[in-house]
Amino acid sequence: MSYLILFAAVFFLSTSVLFVKWTSAPAETAAFYRLLFTCLMLLPWVDFKALARTRLMTRYALLLSGTLLAFHFWLWFSSLDYTTVASSTLFVTSSPIFVLIGNAVIFKKHPTKKGLTYALIAVLGGMLVAAGDVQIGRDALYGDLLALIAALLIAGYWLVGQHVRTEMKTNTYSFSVYLVATVVLCFMLLVRGTTFVDFETVNWWYFLALAFFPTILGHNLFNYALARVSATVVSITILGEALWGMVFGYAFFGERLGPFQWVGAIVLLGGIYLFLKEDARSTRADASS
């Protein structure tokens, strides 16, 4: 059942690229309203008594998780202004590699030699995609870099979340990190002098769609699954986001991948898939030993 939930979650999460590309508002403004409206939607289902009883370290973890999420959204939304939907989502799919590094460095969960090899293959695929984007222009490469940093940040979000989510109900956890992210983005808007309301009226519908489809039905389902499966298993579904990104980019924005990008996409997705498959195998072996 958890895997069915993850499959649905990745489809709804993937729809965010459509609304982000369609909106004419600044990236941080779109990210702010996406999370603000999501918080308002979750408000009736939040257990505030349980939230008030959380441990001090859990509160620190929520602050860190929400901050990572805020900067992830800002950088990823910004990347779509410079590079293609396909390339941006492909680089965001590299988050499992950063989950691997985080688990190894912080939690001492070292990968097998095969797993490390597959991770390096995925990195090679990312380099090929970047090489293809160089032919498009420097702006595309800059967008790839923003998406890559966004992947690093969302990996941190999953790593923190897997150790906090089990202590809280899904809606309460989601509301907490989204609220922190909303506050962080609000400060960002004020510091950068970015507009809160100076944009076309149609953008309000895009913000509501971003809150409901990719966040409530996407991220929130991921948070639900995070209490039942590992961060590594959750991150494998990001592969589906890359595939949907390629489909949406072609169908709605007429984007086509060049030869380097096609080869890079196949190598990147294949490397991540093999890595996660090896990680699942080694996890089962450790559990049975």
C-alpha atoms as a PDB file:
ATOM      1  CA  MET A   1       0.000   0.000   0.000  1.00  0.00           C
ATOM      2  CA  SER A   2       2.891   2.361   0.833  1.00  0.00           C
ATOM      3  CA  TYR A   3       4.323   1.918  -2.685  1.00  0.00           C
ATOM      4  CA  LEU A   4       0.948   2.707  -4.287  1.00  0.00           C
ATOM      5  CA  ILE A   5       0.822   5.886  -2.223  1.00  0.00           C
ATOM      6  CA  LEU A   6       4.326   6.806  -3.383  1.00  0.00           C
ATOM      7  CA  PHE A   7       3.338   6.230  -7.037  1.00  0.00           C
ATOM      8  CA  ALA A   8       0.375   8.603  -6.688  1.00  0.00           C
ATOM      9  CA  ALA A   9       2.494  11.100  -4.767  1.00  0.00           C
ATOM     10  CA  VAL A  10       5.149  11.349  -7.464  1.00  0.00           C
ATOM     11  CA  PHE A  11       2.570  12.047 -10.189  1.00  0.00           C
ATOM     12  CA  PHE A  12       0.942  14.869  -8.210  1.00  0.00           C
ATOM     13  CA  LEU A  13       4.356  16.211  -7.196  1.00  0.00           C
ATOM     14  CA  SER A  14       5.405  16.290 -10.847  1.00  0.00           C
ATOM     15  CA  THR A  15       2.541  18.632 -11.755  1.00  0.00           C
ATOM     16  CA  SER A  16       4.290  21.471  -9.914  1.00  0.00           C
ATOM     17  CA  VAL A  17       6.488  22.168 -12.969  1.00  0.00           C
ATOM     18  CA  LEU A  18       3.387  23.052 -14.981  1.00  0.00           C
ATOM     19  CA  PHE A  19       2.086  25.655 -12.540  1.00  0.00           C
ATOM     20  CA  VAL A  20       5.549  27.088 -11.853  1.00  0.00           C
ATOM     21  CA  LYS A  21       6.232  27.526 -15.580  1.00  0.00           C
ATOM     22  CA  TRP A  22       2.798  29.056 -16.158  1.00  0.00           C
ATOM     23  CA  THR A  23       3.005  31.593 -13.336  1.00  0.00           C
ATOM     24  CA  SER A  24       4.499  35.008 -14.074  1.00  0.00           C
ATOM     25  CA  ALA A  25       5.206  35.783 -10.411  1.00  0.00           C
ATOM     26  CA  PRO A  26       8.797  35.720  -9.043  1.00  0.00           C
ATOM     27  CA  ALA A  27      10.066  32.309  -7.917  1.00  0.00           C
ATOM     28  CA  GLU A  28      10.171  33.147  -4.190  1.00  0.00           C
ATOM     29  CA  THR A  29       6.673  34.683  -4.357  1.00  0.00           C
ATOM     30  CA  ALA A  30       5.227  31.536  -5.936  1.00  0.00           C
ATOM     31  CA  ALA A  31       7.013  29.367  -3.356  1.00  0.00           C
ATOM     32  CA  PHE A  32       5.736  31.558  -0.490  1.00  0.00           C
ATOM     33  CA  TYR A  33       2.081  31.416  -1.519  1.00  0.00           C
ATOM     34  CA  ARG A  34       2.294  27.701  -2.343  1.00  0.00           C
ATOM     35  CA  LEU A  35       3.294  26.952   1.246  1.00  0.00           C
ATOM     36  CA  LEU A  36       1.066  29.593   2.846  1.00  0.00           C
ATOM     37  CA  PHE A  37      -2.048  28.209   1.149  1.00  0.00           C
ATOM     38  CA  THR A  38      -0.980  24.676   2.023  1.00  0.00           C
ATOM     39  CA  CYS A  39      -0.734  25.621   5.705  1.00  0.00           C
ATOM     40  CA  LEU A  40      -4.224  27.095   5.578  1.00  0.00           C
ATOM     41  CA  MET A  41      -5.571  23.914   3.955  1.00  0.00           C
ATOM     42  CA  LEU A  42      -3.978  21.723   6.646  1.00  0.00           C
ATOM     43  CA  LEU A  43      -5.014  23.922   9.583  1.00  0.00           C
ATOM     44  CA  PRO A  44      -8.203  21.993  10.550  1.00  0.00           C
ATOM     45  CA  TRP A  45      -6.269  18.696  10.852  1.00  0.00           C
ATOM     46  CA  VAL A  46      -3.334  19.878  12.961  1.00  0.00           C
ATOM     47  CA  ASP A  47      -2.949  18.430  16.476  1.00  0.00           C
ATOM     48  CA  PHE A  48      -1.714  21.557  18.251  1.00  0.00           C
ATOM     49  CA  LYS A  49      -1.659  19.855  21.658  1.00  0.00           C
ATOM     50  CA  ALA A  50       0.712  17.180  20.366  1.00  0.00           C
ATOM     51  CA  LEU A  51       2.790  19.867  18.646  1.00  0.00           C
ATOM     52  CA  ALA A  52       3.137  21.780  21.913  1.00  0.00           C
ATOM     53  CA  ARG A  53       4.419  18.613  23.636  1.00  0.00           C
ATOM     54  CA  THR A  54       7.208  17.938  21.138  1.00  0.00           C
ATOM     55  CA  ARG A  55      10.756  17.661  22.466  1.00  0.00           C
ATOM     56  CA  LEU A  56      13.171  20.585  22.082  1.00  0.00           C
ATOM     57  CA  MET A  57      15.397  18.609  19.683  1.00  0.00           C
ATOM     58  CA  THR A  58      12.343  17.784  17.559  1.00  0.00           C
ATOM     59  CA  ARG A  59      11.515  21.467  17.315  1.00  0.00           C
ATOM     60  CA  TYR A  60      15.061  22.232  16.191  1.00  0.00           C
ATOM     61  CA  ALA A  61      14.748  19.474  13.586  1.00  0.00           C
ATOM     62  CA  LEU A  62      11.475  20.969  12.330  1.00  0.00           C
ATOM     63  CA  LEU A  63      13.123  24.377  12.007  1.00  0.00           C
ATOM     64  CA  LEU A  64      16.002  22.876  10.030  1.00  0.00           C
ATOM     65  CA  SER A  65      13.698  20.778   7.843  1.00  0.00           C
ATOM     66  CA  GLY A  66      11.421  23.727   7.038  1.00  0.00           C
ATOM     67  CA  THR A  67      14.363  25.985   6.209  1.00  0.00           C
ATOM     68  CA  LEU A  68      15.841  23.390   3.845  1.00  0.00           C
ATOM     69  CA  LEU A  69      12.447  23.030   2.151  1.00  0.00           C
ATOM     70  CA  ALA A  70      12.062  26.794   1.707  1.00  0.00           C
ATOM     71  CA  PHE A  71      15.403  27.180  -0.051  1.00  0.00           C
ATOM     72  CA  HIS A  72      14.774  24.023  -2.084  1.00  0.00           C
ATOM     73  CA  PHE A  73      11.560  25.479  -3.523  1.00  0.00           C
ATOM     74  CA  TRP A  74      13.123  28.877  -4.181  1.00  0.00           C
ATOM     75  CA  LEU A  75      16.142  27.498  -6.049  1.00  0.00           C
ATOM     76  CA  TRP A  76      14.201  24.870  -7.961  1.00  0.00           C
ATOM     77  CA  PHE A  77      11.508  27.361  -9.040  1.00  0.00           C
ATOM     78  CA  SER A  78      14.292  29.726 -10.103  1.00  0.00           C
ATOM     79  CA  SER A  79      16.037  26.994 -12.123  1.00  0.00           C
ATOM     80  CA  LEU A  80      12.973  26.681 -14.364  1.00  0.00           C
ATOM     81  CA  ASP A  81      13.546  30.262 -15.531  1.00  0.00           C
ATOM     82  CA  TYR A  82      16.918  29.275 -16.995  1.00  0.00           C
ATOM     83  CA  THR A  83      16.842  25.653 -18.120  1.00  0.00           C
ATOM     84  CA  THR A  84      14.307  23.195 -19.513  1.00  0.00           C
ATOM     85  CA  VAL A  85      11.702  21.340 -17.463  1.00  0.00           C
ATOM     86  CA  ALA A  86      13.371  18.045 -18.378  1.00  0.00           C
ATOM     87  CA  SER A  87      16.891  19.080 -17.329  1.00  0.00           C
ATOM     88  CA  SER A  88      15.708  20.741 -14.125  1.00  0.00           C
ATOM     89  CA  THR A  89      13.729  17.718 -12.965  1.00  0.00           C
ATOM     90  CA  LEU A  90      16.537  15.373 -14.012  1.00  0.00           C
ATOM     91  CA  PHE A  91      18.981  17.191 -11.738  1.00  0.00           C
ATOM     92  CA  VAL A  92      16.462  17.227  -8.881  1.00  0.00           C
ATOM     93  CA  THR A  93      16.333  13.423  -9.208  1.00  0.00           C
ATOM     94  CA  SER A  94      19.949  13.305  -8.068  1.00  0.00           C
ATOM     95  CA  SER A  95      18.737  13.762  -4.469  1.00  0.00           C
ATOM     96  CA  PRO A  96      19.176  10.003  -3.689  1.00  0.00           C
ATOM     97  CA  ILE A  97      22.918  10.461  -4.190  1.00  0.00           C
ATOM     98  CA  PHE A  98      22.941  13.144  -1.519  1.00  0.00           C
ATOM     99  CA  VAL A  99      20.781  10.942   0.708  1.00  0.00           C
ATOM    100  CA  LEU A 100      23.484   8.291   0.255  1.00  0.00           C
ATOM    101  CA  ILE A 101      26.208  10.738   1.289  1.00  0.00           C
ATOM    102  CA  GLY A 102      24.176  11.999   4.245  1.00  0.00           C
ATOM    103  CA  ASN A 103      23.411   8.510   5.524  1.00  0.00           C
ATOM    104  CA  ALA A 104      27.087   7.548   5.202  1.00  0.00           C
ATOM    105  CA  VAL A 105      28.557  10.672   6.823  1.00  0.00           C
ATOM    106  CA  ILE A 106      25.945  11.372   9.507  1.00  0.00           C
ATOM    107  CA  PHE A 107      24.348   8.016  10.266  1.00  0.00           C
ATOM    108  CA  LYS A 108      27.275   5.739   9.313  1.00  0.00           C
ATOM    109  CA  LYS A 109      25.156   3.768   6.849  1.00  0.00           C
ATOM    110  CA  HIS A 110      27.834   3.102   4.251  1.00  0.00           C
ATOM    111  CA  PRO A 111      26.867   1.835   0.779  1.00  0.00           C
ATOM    112  CA  THR A 112      28.214  -1.354  -0.759  1.00  0.00           C
ATOM    113  CA  LYS A 113      30.895  -1.172  -3.467  1.00  0.00           C
ATOM    114  CA  LYS A 114      28.210  -1.891  -6.056  1.00  0.00           C
ATOM    115  CA  GLY A 115      26.028   0.859  -4.656  1.00  0.00           C
ATOM    116  CA  LEU A 116      28.892   3.340  -4.810  1.00  0.00           C
ATOM    117  CA  THR A 117      29.629   2.313  -8.414  1.00  0.00           C
ATOM    118  CA  TYR A 118      26.007   2.872  -9.425  1.00  0.00           C
ATOM    119  CA  ALA A 119      26.048   6.270  -7.718  1.00  0.00           C
ATOM    120  CA  LEU A 120      29.105   7.264  -9.757  1.00  0.00           C
ATOM    121  CA  ILE A 121      27.317   6.119 -12.938  1.00  0.00           C
ATOM    122  CA  ALA A 122      24.421   8.415 -12.031  1.00  0.00           C
ATOM    123  CA  VAL A 123      26.854  11.306 -11.533  1.00  0.00           C
ATOM    124  CA  LEU A 124      28.285  10.596 -14.999  1.00  0.00           C
ATOM    125  CA  GLY A 125      24.753  10.784 -16.425  1.00  0.00           C
ATOM    126  CA  GLY A 126      24.250  14.161 -14.783  1.00  0.00           C
ATOM    127  CA  MET A 127      27.486  15.399 -16.330  1.00  0.00           C
ATOM    128  CA  LEU A 128      26.280  14.310 -19.776  1.00  0.00           C
ATOM    129  CA  VAL A 129      22.985  16.179 -19.313  1.00  0.00           C
ATOM    130  CA  ALA A 130      24.963  19.262 -18.277  1.00  0.00           C
ATOM    131  CA  ALA A 131      27.220  18.861 -21.321  1.00  0.00           C
ATOM    132  CA  GLY A 132      24.136  18.852 -23.533  1.00  0.00           C
ATOM    133  CA  ASP A 133      22.833  21.983 -21.831  1.00  0.00           C
ATOM    134  CA  VAL A 134      26.125  23.800 -22.437  1.00  0.00           C
ATOM    135  CA  GLN A 135      25.235  23.655 -26.126  1.00  0.00           C
ATOM    136  CA  ILE A 136      21.980  25.500 -25.332  1.00  0.00           C
ATOM    137  CA  GLY A 137      23.808  28.283 -23.478  1.00  0.00           C
ATOM    138  CA  ARG A 138      25.282  29.358 -20.153  1.00  0.00           C
ATOM    139  CA  ASP A 139      21.844  30.183 -18.761  1.00  0.00           C
ATOM    140  CA  ALA A 140      20.821  26.531 -19.086  1.00  0.00           C
ATOM    141  CA  LEU A 141      23.950  25.424 -17.219  1.00  0.00           C
ATOM    142  CA  TYR A 142      23.204  27.957 -14.470  1.00  0.00           C
ATOM    143  CA  GLY A 143      19.675  26.556 -14.205  1.00  0.00           C
ATOM    144  CA  ASP A 144      21.136  23.041 -13.915  1.00  0.00           C
ATOM    145  CA  LEU A 145      23.342  24.222 -11.031  1.00  0.00           C
ATOM    146  CA  LEU A 146      20.354  25.722  -9.206  1.00  0.00           C
ATOM    147  CA  ALA A 147      18.420  22.468  -9.628  1.00  0.00           C
ATOM    148  CA  LEU A 148      21.404  20.469  -8.358  1.00  0.00           C
ATOM    149  CA  ILE A 149      21.656  22.598  -5.209  1.00  0.00           C
ATOM    150  CA  ALA A 150      17.883  22.223  -4.797  1.00  0.00           C
ATOM    151  CA  ALA A 151      18.392  18.441  -4.920  1.00  0.00           C
ATOM    152  CA  LEU A 152      20.986  18.685  -2.149  1.00  0.00           C
ATOM    153  CA  LEU A 153      18.559  20.671   0.003  1.00  0.00           C
ATOM    154  CA  ILE A 154      15.609  18.287  -0.508  1.00  0.00           C
ATOM    155  CA  ALA A 155      17.902  15.367   0.370  1.00  0.00           C
ATOM    156  CA  GLY A 156      18.630  17.098   3.680  1.00  0.00           C
ATOM    157  CA  TYR A 157      14.901  17.593   4.148  1.00  0.00           C
ATOM    158  CA  TRP A 158      14.273  13.838   3.709  1.00  0.00           C
ATOM    159  CA  LEU A 159      17.165  12.886   5.996  1.00  0.00           C
ATOM    160  CA  VAL A 160      15.920  15.098   8.806  1.00  0.00           C
ATOM    161  CA  GLY A 161      12.323  14.077   8.186  1.00  0.00           C
ATOM    162  CA  GLN A 162      12.903  10.338   8.458  1.00  0.00           C
ATOM    163  CA  HIS A 163      13.992  10.780  12.082  1.00  0.00           C
ATOM    164  CA  VAL A 164      11.249  13.256  13.041  1.00  0.00           C
ATOM    165  CA  ARG A 165       8.237  12.037  11.081  1.00  0.00           C
ATOM    166  CA  THR A 166       7.781   8.892  13.230  1.00  0.00           C
ATOM    167  CA  GLU A 167       7.158  11.082  16.307  1.00  0.00           C
ATOM    168  CA  MET A 168       4.310  13.074  14.758  1.00  0.00           C
ATOM    169  CA  LYS A 169       1.139  12.590  12.762  1.00  0.00           C
ATOM    170  CA  THR A 170       1.402  13.317   9.047  1.00  0.00           C
ATOM    171  CA  ASN A 171      -0.652  16.524   8.938  1.00  0.00           C
ATOM    172  CA  THR A 172       0.934  17.935  12.086  1.00  0.00           C
ATOM    173  CA  TYR A 173       4.452  17.248  10.789  1.00  0.00           C
ATOM    174  CA  SER A 174       3.656  18.635   7.337  1.00  0.00           C
ATOM    175  CA  PHE A 175       2.024  21.766   8.758  1.00  0.00           C
ATOM    176  CA  SER A 176       5.025  22.387  11.010  1.00  0.00           C
ATOM    177  CA  VAL A 177       7.684  22.231   8.291  1.00  0.00           C
ATOM    178  CA  TYR A 178       5.509  24.113   5.783  1.00  0.00           C
ATOM    179  CA  LEU A 179       4.890  26.876   8.325  1.00  0.00           C
ATOM    180  CA  VAL A 180       8.609  27.236   9.005  1.00  0.00           C
ATOM    181  CA  ALA A 181       9.278  27.321   5.245  1.00  0.00           C
ATOM    182  CA  THR A 182       6.541  29.955   4.775  1.00  0.00           C
ATOM    183  CA  VAL A 183       8.096  32.213   7.427  1.00  0.00           C
ATOM    184  CA  VAL A 184      11.573  31.790   5.898  1.00  0.00           C
ATOM    185  CA  LEU A 185      10.254  32.686   2.441  1.00  0.00           C
ATOM    186  CA  CYS A 186       8.359  35.679   3.868  1.00  0.00           C
ATOM    187  CA  PHE A 187      11.616  37.056   5.285  1.00  0.00           C
ATOM    188  CA  MET A 188      13.280  36.366   1.951  1.00  0.00           C
ATOM    189  CA  LEU A 189      10.628  38.418   0.124  1.00  0.00           C
ATOM    190  CA  LEU A 190      11.063  41.302   2.562  1.00  0.00           C
ATOM    191  CA  VAL A 191      14.882  41.263   2.424  1.00  0.00           C
ATOM    192  CA  ARG A 192      15.021  40.974  -1.376  1.00  0.00           C
ATOM    193  CA  GLY A 193      12.230  43.529  -1.842  1.00  0.00           C
ATOM    194  CA  THR A 194      10.227  41.067  -3.948  1.00  0.00           C
ATOM    195  CA  THR A 195       6.557  41.819  -4.517  1.00  0.00           C
ATOM    196  CA  PHE A 196       3.805  40.100  -2.558  1.00  0.00           C
ATOM    197  CA  VAL A 197       0.904  41.155  -4.800  1.00  0.00           C
ATOM    198  CA  ASP A 198       2.152  42.876  -7.957  1.00  0.00           C
ATOM    199  CA  PHE A 199       1.365  40.170 -10.526  1.00  0.00           C
ATOM    200  CA  GLU A 200      -1.457  39.048 -12.798  1.00  0.00           C
ATOM    201  CA  THR A 201      -4.653  37.832 -11.083  1.00  0.00           C
ATOM    202  CA  VAL A 202      -4.489  34.414 -12.764  1.00  0.00           C
ATOM    203  CA  ASN A 203      -1.405  33.629 -10.655  1.00  0.00           C
ATOM    204  CA  TRP A 204      -3.583  33.237  -7.569  1.00  0.00           C
ATOM    205  CA  TRP A 205      -5.138  30.138  -9.200  1.00  0.00           C
ATOM    206  CA  TYR A 206      -1.688  28.749  -9.929  1.00  0.00           C
ATOM    207  CA  PHE A 207      -0.682  29.252  -6.287  1.00  0.00           C
ATOM    208  CA  LEU A 208      -3.801  27.397  -5.106  1.00  0.00           C
ATOM    209  CA  ALA A 209      -3.104  24.602  -7.591  1.00  0.00           C
ATOM    210  CA  LEU A 210       0.511  24.390  -6.350  1.00  0.00           C
ATOM    211  CA  ALA A 211      -0.741  24.098  -2.776  1.00  0.00           C
ATOM    212  CA  PHE A 212      -3.321  21.411  -3.484  1.00  0.00           C
ATOM    213  CA  PHE A 213      -1.928  19.107  -6.171  1.00  0.00           C
ATOM    214  CA  PRO A 214       1.852  18.831  -5.756  1.00  0.00           C
ATOM    215  CA  THR A 215       1.922  19.736  -2.041  1.00  0.00           C
ATOM    216  CA  ILE A 216      -1.182  18.304  -0.348  1.00  0.00           C
ATOM    217  CA  LEU A 217      -1.441  15.338  -2.732  1.00  0.00           C
ATOM    218  CA  GLY A 218       2.312  15.136  -3.411  1.00  0.00           C
ATOM    219  CA  HIS A 219       4.594  16.135  -0.549  1.00  0.00           C
ATOM    220  CA  ASN A 220       2.010  15.306   2.094  1.00  0.00           C
ATOM    221  CA  LEU A 221       1.661  11.750   0.797  1.00  0.00           C
ATOM    222  CA  PHE A 222       5.450  11.488   0.850  1.00  0.00           C
ATOM    223  CA  ASN A 223       5.455  12.596   4.486  1.00  0.00           C
ATOM    224  CA  TYR A 224       2.831   9.940   5.224  1.00  0.00           C
ATOM    225  CA  ALA A 225       4.976   7.270   3.568  1.00  0.00           C
ATOM    226  CA  LEU A 226       8.134   8.503   5.329  1.00  0.00           C
ATOM    227  CA  ALA A 227       6.915   6.950   8.595  1.00  0.00           C
ATOM    228  CA  ARG A 228       6.575   3.559   6.863  1.00  0.00           C
ATOM    229  CA  VAL A 229       9.557   3.361   4.503  1.00  0.00           C
ATOM    230  CA  SER A 230      13.113   4.740   4.525  1.00  0.00           C
ATOM    231  CA  ALA A 231      14.240   8.037   3.006  1.00  0.00           C
ATOM    232  CA  THR A 232      16.060   6.025   0.348  1.00  0.00           C
ATOM    233  CA  VAL A 233      12.876   4.270  -0.754  1.00  0.00           C
ATOM    234  CA  VAL A 234      11.012   7.579  -0.796  1.00  0.00           C
ATOM    235  CA  SER A 235      13.734   9.154  -2.911  1.00  0.00           C
ATOM    236  CA  ILE A 236      13.490   6.421  -5.579  1.00  0.00           C
ATOM    237  CA  THR A 237      10.138   7.819  -6.607  1.00  0.00           C
ATOM    238  CA  ILE A 238      11.941  10.991  -7.716  1.00  0.00           C
ATOM    239  CA  LEU A 239      12.853   8.961 -10.799  1.00  0.00           C
ATOM    240  CA  GLY A 240       9.202   9.156 -11.761  1.00  0.00           C
ATOM    241  CA  GLU A 241       9.260  12.946 -11.369  1.00  0.00           C
ATOM    242  CA  ALA A 242      12.076  13.136 -13.934  1.00  0.00           C
ATOM    243  CA  LEU A 243      10.120  11.034 -16.418  1.00  0.00           C
ATOM    244  CA  TRP A 244       6.960  13.092 -15.933  1.00  0.00           C
ATOM    245  CA  GLY A 245       9.065  16.250 -16.306  1.00  0.00           C
ATOM    246  CA  MET A 246      10.297  15.065 -19.697  1.00  0.00           C
ATOM    247  CA  VAL A 247       6.725  14.257 -20.768  1.00  0.00           C
ATOM    248  CA  PHE A 248       5.312  17.590 -19.541  1.00  0.00           C
ATOM    249  CA  GLY A 249       8.197  19.544 -21.077  1.00  0.00           C
ATOM    250  CA  TYR A 250       7.538  17.989 -24.476  1.00  0.00           C
ATOM    251  CA  ALA A 251       3.714  18.056 -24.340  1.00  0.00           C
ATOM    252  CA  PHE A 252       3.143  21.547 -22.889  1.00  0.00           C
ATOM    253  CA  PHE A 253       6.273  23.560 -23.702  1.00  0.00           C
ATOM    254  CA  GLY A 254       7.606  21.933 -26.879  1.00  0.00           C
ATOM    255  CA  GLU A 255      10.933  21.070 -25.246  1.00  0.00           C
ATOM    256  CA  ARG A 256      13.070  18.424 -26.931  1.00  0.00           C
ATOM    257  CA  LEU A 257      16.157  16.747 -25.560  1.00  0.00           C
ATOM    258  CA  GLY A 258      19.353  16.645 -27.608  1.00  0.00           C
ATOM    259  CA  PRO A 259      21.492  13.487 -28.045  1.00  0.00           C
ATOM    260  CA  PHE A 260      23.737  14.259 -25.050  1.00  0.00           C
ATOM    261  CA  GLN A 261      20.714  14.915 -22.847  1.00  0.00           C
ATOM    262  CA  TRP A 262      18.948  11.706 -23.901  1.00  0.00           C
ATOM    263  CA  VAL A 263      22.029   9.600 -23.189  1.00  0.00           C
ATOM    264  CA  GLY A 264      22.654  11.475 -19.943  1.00  0.00           C
ATOM    265  CA  ALA A 265      19.040  11.040 -18.833  1.00  0.00           C
ATOM    266  CA  ILE A 266      19.165   7.282 -19.437  1.00  0.00           C
ATOM    267  CA  VAL A 267      22.513   6.915 -17.639  1.00  0.00           C
ATOM    268  CA  LEU A 268      21.407   9.125 -14.731  1.00  0.00           C
ATOM    269  CA  LEU A 269      18.066   7.396 -14.166  1.00  0.00           C
ATOM    270  CA  GLY A 270      19.584   3.957 -14.719  1.00  0.00           C
ATOM    271  CA  GLY A 271      22.389   4.631 -12.242  1.00  0.00           C
ATOM    272  CA  ILE A 272      20.014   5.860  -9.553  1.00  0.00           C
ATOM    273  CA  TYR A 273      17.654   2.933 -10.121  1.00  0.00           C
ATOM    274  CA  LEU A 274      20.472   0.363  -9.821  1.00  0.00           C
ATOM    275  CA  PHE A 275      21.863   2.139  -6.770  1.00  0.00           C
ATOM    276  CA  LEU A 276      18.532   2.124  -4.961  1.00  0.00           C
ATOM    277  CA  LYS A 277      17.921  -1.498  -5.925  1.00  0.00           C
ATOM    278  CA  GLU A 278      21.325  -2.427  -4.480  1.00  0.00           C
ATOM    279  CA  ASP A 279      20.620  -0.361  -1.349  1.00  0.00           C
ATOM    280  CA  ALA A 280      17.334  -2.215  -0.809  1.00  0.00           C
ATOM    281  CA  ARG A 281      19.130  -5.574  -1.270  1.00  0.00           C
ATOM    282  CA  SER A 282      21.862  -4.714   1.245  1.00  0.00           C
ATOM    283  CA  THR A 283      19.270  -3.427   3.728  1.00  0.00           C
ATOM    284  CA  ARG A 284      17.404  -6.739   3.563  1.00  0.00           C
ATOM    285  CA  ALA A 285      20.681  -8.614   4.004  1.00  0.00           C
ATOM    286  CA  ASP A 286      21.565  -6.584   7.100  1.00  0.00           C
ATOM    287  CA  ALA A 287      18.104  -7.150   8.576  1.00  0.00           C
ATOM    288  CA  SER A 288      18.318 -10.922   8.117  1.00  0.00           C
ATOM    289  CA  SER A 289      21.861 -11.263   9.505  1.00  0.00           C
END
